[in-house]
């Protein structure tokens, strides 16, 4: 089962139980479902990237503070 189908089944359990009509309607439902999953995945990835950005900024700040303290100690 592809990941997007697993996510849809977990998120919308009733939709997984309903019979899917043949032909164009099933294609339309698949496109709509994929659009929903795509939006949720992109939102999740955006949150992950923002979290990583925060961690990198904090790491840079801490290294700059350590360097500033070391240079202050060396100057004394």
PDB file of N, CA and C in Angstrom:
ATOM      1  N   UNK A   1       0.855  -1.178   0.000  1.00  0.00           N
ATOM      2  CA  UNK A   1       0.000   0.000   0.000  1.00  0.00           C
ATOM      3  C   UNK A   1       0.895   1.233   0.000  1.00  0.00           C
ATOM      4  N   UNK A   2       0.714   2.135  -0.969  1.00  0.00           N
ATOM      5  CA  UNK A   2       1.513   3.365  -0.982  1.00  0.00           C
ATOM      6  C   UNK A   2       1.271   4.196   0.273  1.00  0.00           C
ATOM      7  N   UNK A   3       2.237   5.017   0.596  1.00  0.00           N
ATOM      8  CA  UNK A   3       2.180   5.817   1.821  1.00  0.00           C
ATOM      9  C   UNK A   3       0.950   6.710   1.838  1.00  0.00           C
ATOM     10  N   UNK A   4       0.662   7.359   0.710  1.00  0.00           N
ATOM     11  CA  UNK A   4      -0.478   8.282   0.707  1.00  0.00           C
ATOM     12  C   UNK A   4      -1.787   7.553   0.966  1.00  0.00           C
ATOM     13  N   UNK A   5      -1.902   6.298   0.503  1.00  0.00           N
ATOM     14  CA  UNK A   5      -3.120   5.535   0.779  1.00  0.00           C
ATOM     15  C   UNK A   5      -3.208   5.168   2.257  1.00  0.00           C
ATOM     16  N   UNK A   6      -2.077   4.845   2.856  1.00  0.00           N
ATOM     17  CA  UNK A   6      -2.066   4.529   4.285  1.00  0.00           C
ATOM     18  C   UNK A   6      -2.456   5.747   5.106  1.00  0.00           C
ATOM     19  N   UNK A   7      -1.934   6.915   4.711  1.00  0.00           N
ATOM     20  CA  UNK A   7      -2.273   8.152   5.425  1.00  0.00           C
ATOM     21  C   UNK A   7      -3.755   8.448   5.280  1.00  0.00           C
ATOM     22  N   UNK A   8      -4.272   8.298   4.062  1.00  0.00           N
ATOM     23  CA  UNK A   8      -5.703   8.537   3.842  1.00  0.00           C
ATOM     24  C   UNK A   8      -6.555   7.575   4.652  1.00  0.00           C
ATOM     25  N   UNK A   9      -6.171   6.303   4.669  1.00  0.00           N
ATOM     26  CA  UNK A   9      -6.946   5.310   5.413  1.00  0.00           C
ATOM     27  C   UNK A   9      -6.952   5.629   6.901  1.00  0.00           C
ATOM     28  N   UNK A  10      -5.820   6.098   7.413  1.00  0.00           N
ATOM     29  CA  UNK A  10      -5.748   6.442   8.834  1.00  0.00           C
ATOM     30  C   UNK A  10      -6.532   7.714   9.130  1.00  0.00           C
ATOM     31  N   UNK A  11      -6.453   8.668   8.225  1.00  0.00           N
ATOM     32  CA  UNK A  11      -7.102   9.963   8.459  1.00  0.00           C
ATOM     33  C   UNK A  11      -8.600   9.926   8.179  1.00  0.00           C
ATOM     34  N   UNK A  12      -8.987   9.188   7.159  1.00  0.00           N
ATOM     35  CA  UNK A  12     -10.390   9.115   6.750  1.00  0.00           C
ATOM     36  C   UNK A  12     -10.832   7.652   6.676  1.00  0.00           C
ATOM     37  N   UNK A  13     -11.042   6.997   7.824  1.00  0.00           N
ATOM     38  CA  UNK A  13     -11.354   5.565   7.814  1.00  0.00           C
ATOM     39  C   UNK A  13     -12.646   5.229   7.076  1.00  0.00           C
ATOM     40  N   UNK A  14     -13.640   6.095   7.111  1.00  0.00           N
ATOM     41  CA  UNK A  14     -14.903   5.812   6.419  1.00  0.00           C
ATOM     42  C   UNK A  14     -14.714   5.796   4.909  1.00  0.00           C
ATOM     43  N   UNK A  15     -13.851   6.671   4.423  1.00  0.00           N
ATOM     44  CA  UNK A  15     -13.610   6.726   2.976  1.00  0.00           C
ATOM     45  C   UNK A  15     -12.995   5.431   2.478  1.00  0.00           C
ATOM     46  N   UNK A  16     -12.184   4.800   3.309  1.00  0.00           N
ATOM     47  CA  UNK A  16     -11.562   3.540   2.907  1.00  0.00           C
ATOM     48  C   UNK A  16     -12.595   2.424   2.831  1.00  0.00           C
ATOM     49  N   UNK A  17     -13.667   2.524   3.623  1.00  0.00           N
ATOM     50  CA  UNK A  17     -14.694   1.486   3.637  1.00  0.00           C
ATOM     51  C   UNK A  17     -15.695   1.640   2.498  1.00  0.00           C
ATOM     52  N   UNK A  18     -15.882   2.873   2.013  1.00  0.00           N
ATOM     53  CA  UNK A  18     -16.882   3.119   0.978  1.00  0.00           C
ATOM     54  C   UNK A  18     -16.424   2.544  -0.355  1.00  0.00           C
ATOM     55  N   UNK A  19     -17.355   1.940  -1.106  1.00  0.00           N
ATOM     56  CA  UNK A  19     -16.965   1.424  -2.425  1.00  0.00           C
ATOM     57  C   UNK A  19     -16.658   2.577  -3.374  1.00  0.00           C
ATOM     58  N   UNK A  20     -15.674   2.371  -4.213  1.00  0.00           N
ATOM     59  CA  UNK A  20     -15.265   3.404  -5.163  1.00  0.00           C
ATOM     60  C   UNK A  20     -15.915   3.118  -6.504  1.00  0.00           C
ATOM     61  N   UNK A  21     -16.529   4.137  -7.085  1.00  0.00           N
ATOM     62  CA  UNK A  21     -17.166   3.975  -8.394  1.00  0.00           C
ATOM     63  C   UNK A  21     -16.099   3.798  -9.466  1.00  0.00           C
ATOM     64  N   UNK A  22     -16.457   3.097 -10.513  1.00  0.00           N
ATOM     65  CA  UNK A  22     -15.499   2.822 -11.586  1.00  0.00           C
ATOM     66  C   UNK A  22     -15.351   4.035 -12.495  1.00  0.00           C
ATOM     67  N   UNK A  23     -14.267   4.063 -13.225  1.00  0.00           N
ATOM     68  CA  UNK A  23     -14.079   5.066 -14.261  1.00  0.00           C
ATOM     69  C   UNK A  23     -13.596   6.403 -13.768  1.00  0.00           C
ATOM     70  N   UNK A  24     -14.178   7.446 -14.361  1.00  0.00           N
ATOM     71  CA  UNK A  24     -13.716   8.809 -14.103  1.00  0.00           C
ATOM     72  C   UNK A  24     -13.855   9.222 -12.644  1.00  0.00           C
ATOM     73  N   UNK A  25     -14.935   8.800 -12.011  1.00  0.00           N
ATOM     74  CA  UNK A  25     -15.151   9.231 -10.633  1.00  0.00           C
ATOM     75  C   UNK A  25     -14.028   8.730  -9.728  1.00  0.00           C
ATOM     76  N   UNK A  26     -13.600   7.486  -9.897  1.00  0.00           N
ATOM     77  CA  UNK A  26     -12.527   6.973  -9.048  1.00  0.00           C
ATOM     78  C   UNK A  26     -11.230   7.742  -9.299  1.00  0.00           C
ATOM     79  N   UNK A  27     -10.976   8.120 -10.560  1.00  0.00           N
ATOM     80  CA  UNK A  27      -9.796   8.929 -10.857  1.00  0.00           C
ATOM     81  C   UNK A  27      -9.895  10.290 -10.179  1.00  0.00           C
ATOM     82  N   UNK A  28     -11.085  10.879 -10.225  1.00  0.00           N
ATOM     83  CA  UNK A  28     -11.291  12.182  -9.598  1.00  0.00           C
ATOM     84  C   UNK A  28     -11.088  12.094  -8.093  1.00  0.00           C
ATOM     85  N   UNK A  29     -11.631  11.054  -7.489  1.00  0.00           N
ATOM     86  CA  UNK A  29     -11.469  10.865  -6.042  1.00  0.00           C
ATOM     87  C   UNK A  29     -10.003  10.683  -5.707  1.00  0.00           C
ATOM     88  N   UNK A  30      -9.294   9.919  -6.513  1.00  0.00           N
ATOM     89  CA  UNK A  30      -7.864   9.706  -6.261  1.00  0.00           C
ATOM     90  C   UNK A  30      -7.097  11.019  -6.350  1.00  0.00           C
ATOM     91  N   UNK A  31      -7.429  11.856  -7.336  1.00  0.00           N
ATOM     92  CA  UNK A  31      -6.742  13.148  -7.460  1.00  0.00           C
ATOM     93  C   UNK A  31      -7.053  14.053  -6.277  1.00  0.00           C
ATOM     94  N   UNK A  32      -8.302  14.092  -5.868  1.00  0.00           N
ATOM     95  CA  UNK A  32      -8.685  14.927  -4.726  1.00  0.00           C
ATOM     96  C   UNK A  32      -7.995  14.421  -3.464  1.00  0.00           C
ATOM     97  N   UNK A  33      -8.003  13.125  -3.267  1.00  0.00           N
ATOM     98  CA  UNK A  33      -7.370  12.549  -2.083  1.00  0.00           C
ATOM     99  C   UNK A  33      -5.882  12.860  -2.073  1.00  0.00           C
ATOM    100  N   UNK A  34      -5.230  12.701  -3.221  1.00  0.00           N
ATOM    101  CA  UNK A  34      -3.804  12.985  -3.289  1.00  0.00           C
ATOM    102  C   UNK A  34      -3.536  14.461  -3.013  1.00  0.00           C
ATOM    103  N   UNK A  35      -4.429  15.341  -3.458  1.00  0.00           N
ATOM    104  CA  UNK A  35      -4.262  16.771  -3.188  1.00  0.00           C
ATOM    105  C   UNK A  35      -4.322  17.038  -1.692  1.00  0.00           C
ATOM    106  N   UNK A  36      -5.223  16.381  -1.002  1.00  0.00           N
ATOM    107  CA  UNK A  36      -5.309  16.561   0.458  1.00  0.00           C
ATOM    108  C   UNK A  36      -4.045  16.077   1.140  1.00  0.00           C
ATOM    109  N   UNK A  37      -3.602  14.889   0.767  1.00  0.00           N
ATOM    110  CA  UNK A  37      -2.396  14.338   1.388  1.00  0.00           C
ATOM    111  C   UNK A  37      -1.196  15.212   1.054  1.00  0.00           C
ATOM    112  N   UNK A  38      -1.112  15.653  -0.179  1.00  0.00           N
ATOM    113  CA  UNK A  38      -0.002  16.496  -0.601  1.00  0.00           C
ATOM    114  C   UNK A  38       0.054  17.767   0.238  1.00  0.00           C
ATOM    115  N   UNK A  39      -1.099  18.371   0.492  1.00  0.00           N
ATOM    116  CA  UNK A  39      -1.142  19.585   1.304  1.00  0.00           C
ATOM    117  C   UNK A  39      -0.683  19.295   2.729  1.00  0.00           C
ATOM    118  N   UNK A  40      -1.144  18.180   3.297  1.00  0.00           N
ATOM    119  CA  UNK A  40      -0.746  17.843   4.662  1.00  0.00           C
ATOM    120  C   UNK A  40       0.741  17.531   4.747  1.00  0.00           C
ATOM    121  N   UNK A  41       1.256  16.816   3.753  1.00  0.00           N
ATOM    122  CA  UNK A  41       2.675  16.474   3.755  1.00  0.00           C
ATOM    123  C   UNK A  41       3.517  17.731   3.605  1.00  0.00           C
ATOM    124  N   UNK A  42       3.117  18.637   2.718  1.00  0.00           N
ATOM    125  CA  UNK A  42       3.900  19.865   2.542  1.00  0.00           C
ATOM    126  C   UNK A  42       3.862  20.717   3.805  1.00  0.00           C
ATOM    127  N   UNK A  43       2.732  20.737   4.495  1.00  0.00           N
ATOM    128  CA  UNK A  43       2.646  21.473   5.759  1.00  0.00           C
ATOM    129  C   UNK A  43       3.569  20.849   6.795  1.00  0.00           C
ATOM    130  N   UNK A  44       3.575  19.527   6.863  1.00  0.00           N
ATOM    131  CA  UNK A  44       4.443  18.816   7.801  1.00  0.00           C
ATOM    132  C   UNK A  44       5.911  19.097   7.481  1.00  0.00           C
ATOM    133  N   UNK A  45       6.272  19.017   6.210  1.00  0.00           N
ATOM    134  CA  UNK A  45       7.657  19.278   5.821  1.00  0.00           C
ATOM    135  C   UNK A  45       8.065  20.710   6.135  1.00  0.00           C
ATOM    136  N   UNK A  46       7.155  21.645   5.949  1.00  0.00           N
ATOM    137  CA  UNK A  46       7.446  23.036   6.281  1.00  0.00           C
ATOM    138  C   UNK A  46       7.727  23.184   7.776  1.00  0.00           C
ATOM    139  N   UNK A  47       6.939  22.515   8.601  1.00  0.00           N
ATOM    140  CA  UNK A  47       7.173  22.565  10.046  1.00  0.00           C
ATOM    141  C   UNK A  47       8.516  21.942  10.413  1.00  0.00           C
ATOM    142  N   UNK A  48       8.861  20.839   9.765  1.00  0.00           N
ATOM    143  CA  UNK A  48      10.154  20.195  10.021  1.00  0.00           C
ATOM    144  C   UNK A  48      11.293  21.132   9.632  1.00  0.00           C
ATOM    145  N   UNK A  49      11.175  21.771   8.472  1.00  0.00           N
ATOM    146  CA  UNK A  49      12.223  22.695   8.032  1.00  0.00           C
ATOM    147  C   UNK A  49      12.353  23.888   8.971  1.00  0.00           C
ATOM    148  N   UNK A  50      11.233  24.397   9.455  1.00  0.00           N
ATOM    149  CA  UNK A  50      11.300  25.519  10.414  1.00  0.00           C
ATOM    150  C   UNK A  50      11.970  25.079  11.709  1.00  0.00           C
ATOM    151  N   UNK A  51      11.678  23.862  12.146  1.00  0.00           N
ATOM    152  CA  UNK A  51      12.328  23.339  13.344  1.00  0.00           C
ATOM    153  C   UNK A  51      13.823  23.191  13.153  1.00  0.00           C
ATOM    154  N   UNK A  52      14.234  22.679  11.994  1.00  0.00           N
ATOM    155  CA  UNK A  52      15.662  22.549  11.707  1.00  0.00           C
ATOM    156  C   UNK A  52      16.336  23.912  11.632  1.00  0.00           C
ATOM    157  N   UNK A  53      15.652  24.866  11.033  1.00  0.00           N
ATOM    158  CA  UNK A  53      16.196  26.223  10.950  1.00  0.00           C
ATOM    159  C   UNK A  53      16.433  26.784  12.354  1.00  0.00           C
ATOM    160  N   UNK A  54      15.475  26.567  13.255  1.00  0.00           N
ATOM    161  CA  UNK A  54      15.610  27.037  14.630  1.00  0.00           C
ATOM    162  C   UNK A  54      16.811  26.374  15.308  1.00  0.00           C
ATOM    163  N   UNK A  55      16.955  25.053  15.124  1.00  0.00           N
ATOM    164  CA  UNK A  55      18.072  24.345  15.751  1.00  0.00           C
ATOM    165  C   UNK A  55      19.419  24.840  15.228  1.00  0.00           C
ATOM    166  N   UNK A  56      19.504  25.089  13.938  1.00  0.00           N
ATOM    167  CA  UNK A  56      20.754  25.591  13.358  1.00  0.00           C
ATOM    168  C   UNK A  56      21.069  26.980  13.907  1.00  0.00           C
ATOM    169  N   UNK A  57      20.066  27.833  13.987  1.00  0.00           N
ATOM    170  CA  UNK A  57      20.289  29.176  14.531  1.00  0.00           C
ATOM    171  C   UNK A  57      20.757  29.107  15.979  1.00  0.00           C
ATOM    172  N   UNK A  58      20.155  28.233  16.764  1.00  0.00           N
ATOM    173  CA  UNK A  58      20.559  28.097  18.167  1.00  0.00           C
ATOM    174  C   UNK A  58      21.989  27.579  18.273  1.00  0.00           C
ATOM    175  N   UNK A  59      22.356  26.642  17.423  1.00  0.00           N
ATOM    176  CA  UNK A  59      23.719  26.107  17.435  1.00  0.00           C
ATOM    177  C   UNK A  59      24.726  27.193  17.068  1.00  0.00           C
ATOM    178  N   UNK A  60      24.408  27.992  16.077  1.00  0.00           N
ATOM    179  CA  UNK A  60      25.303  29.085  15.672  1.00  0.00           C
ATOM    180  C   UNK A  60      25.431  30.108  16.797  1.00  0.00           C
ATOM    181  N   UNK A  61      24.309  30.454  17.428  1.00  0.00           N
ATOM    182  CA  UNK A  61      24.355  31.413  18.549  1.00  0.00           C
ATOM    183  C   UNK A  61      25.228  30.892  19.684  1.00  0.00           C
ATOM    184  N   UNK A  62      25.058  29.617  20.022  1.00  0.00           N
ATOM    185  CA  UNK A  62      25.840  29.072  21.135  1.00  0.00           C
ATOM    186  C   UNK A  62      27.327  29.058  20.798  1.00  0.00           C
ATOM    187  N   UNK A  63      27.687  28.735  19.555  1.00  0.00           N
ATOM    188  CA  UNK A  63      29.102  28.744  19.172  1.00  0.00           C
ATOM    189  C   UNK A  63      29.667  30.157  19.191  1.00  0.00           C
ATOM    190  N   UNK A  64      28.872  31.129  18.747  1.00  0.00           N
ATOM    191  CA  UNK A  64      29.337  32.516  18.783  1.00  0.00           C
ATOM    192  C   UNK A  64      29.526  32.994  20.221  1.00  0.00           C
ATOM    193  N   UNK A  65      28.635  32.580  21.117  1.00  0.00           N
ATOM    194  CA  UNK A  65      28.775  32.962  22.525  1.00  0.00           C
ATOM    195  C   UNK A  65      30.027  32.344  23.126  1.00  0.00           C
ATOM    196  N   UNK A  66      30.298  31.086  22.790  1.00  0.00           N
ATOM    197  CA  UNK A  66      31.500  30.425  23.306  1.00  0.00           C
ATOM    198  C   UNK A  66      32.741  31.143  22.792  1.00  0.00           C
ATOM    199  N   UNK A  67      32.763  31.477  21.511  1.00  0.00           N
ATOM    200  CA  UNK A  67      33.915  32.197  20.947  1.00  0.00           C
ATOM    201  C   UNK A  67      34.086  33.560  21.599  1.00  0.00           C
ATOM    202  N   UNK A  68      32.983  34.253  21.841  1.00  0.00           N
ATOM    203  CA  UNK A  68      33.064  35.572  22.480  1.00  0.00           C
ATOM    204  C   UNK A  68      33.616  35.438  23.897  1.00  0.00           C
ATOM    205  N   UNK A  69      33.175  34.421  24.611  1.00  0.00           N
ATOM    206  CA  UNK A  69      33.685  34.211  25.976  1.00  0.00           C
ATOM    207  C   UNK A  69      35.165  33.857  25.957  1.00  0.00           C
ATOM    208  N   UNK A  70      35.566  32.999  25.013  1.00  0.00           N
ATOM    209  CA  UNK A  70      36.977  32.620  24.923  1.00  0.00           C
ATOM    210  C   UNK A  70      37.854  33.818  24.572  1.00  0.00           C
ATOM    211  N   UNK A  71      37.396  34.646  23.663  1.00  0.00           N
ATOM    212  CA  UNK A  71      38.194  35.825  23.303  1.00  0.00           C
ATOM    213  C   UNK A  71      38.239  36.820  24.461  1.00  0.00           C
ATOM    214  N   UNK A  72      37.160  36.914  25.233  1.00  0.00           N
ATOM    215  CA  UNK A  72      37.151  37.801  26.402  1.00  0.00           C
ATOM    216  C   UNK A  72      38.123  37.289  27.459  1.00  0.00           C
ATOM    217  N   UNK A  73      38.174  35.977  27.646  1.00  0.00           N
ATOM    218  CA  UNK A  73      39.094  35.391  28.628  1.00  0.00           C
ATOM    219  C   UNK A  73      40.532  35.573  28.163  1.00  0.00           C
ATOM    220  N   UNK A  74      40.782  35.399  26.880  1.00  0.00           N
ATOM    221  CA  UNK A  74      42.144  35.545  26.345  1.00  0.00           C
ATOM    222  C   UNK A  74      42.635  36.985  26.408  1.00  0.00           C
ATOM    223  N   UNK A  75      41.727  37.945  26.326  1.00  0.00           N
ATOM    224  CA  UNK A  75      42.121  39.358  26.378  1.00  0.00           C
ATOM    225  C   UNK A  75      42.472  39.793  27.791  1.00  0.00           C
ATOM    226  N   UNK A  76      41.944  39.119  28.783  1.00  0.00           N
ATOM    227  CA  UNK A  76      42.185  39.525  30.183  1.00  0.00           C
ATOM    228  C   UNK A  76      43.516  39.122  30.678  1.00  0.00           C
TER     229      UNK A  76
END
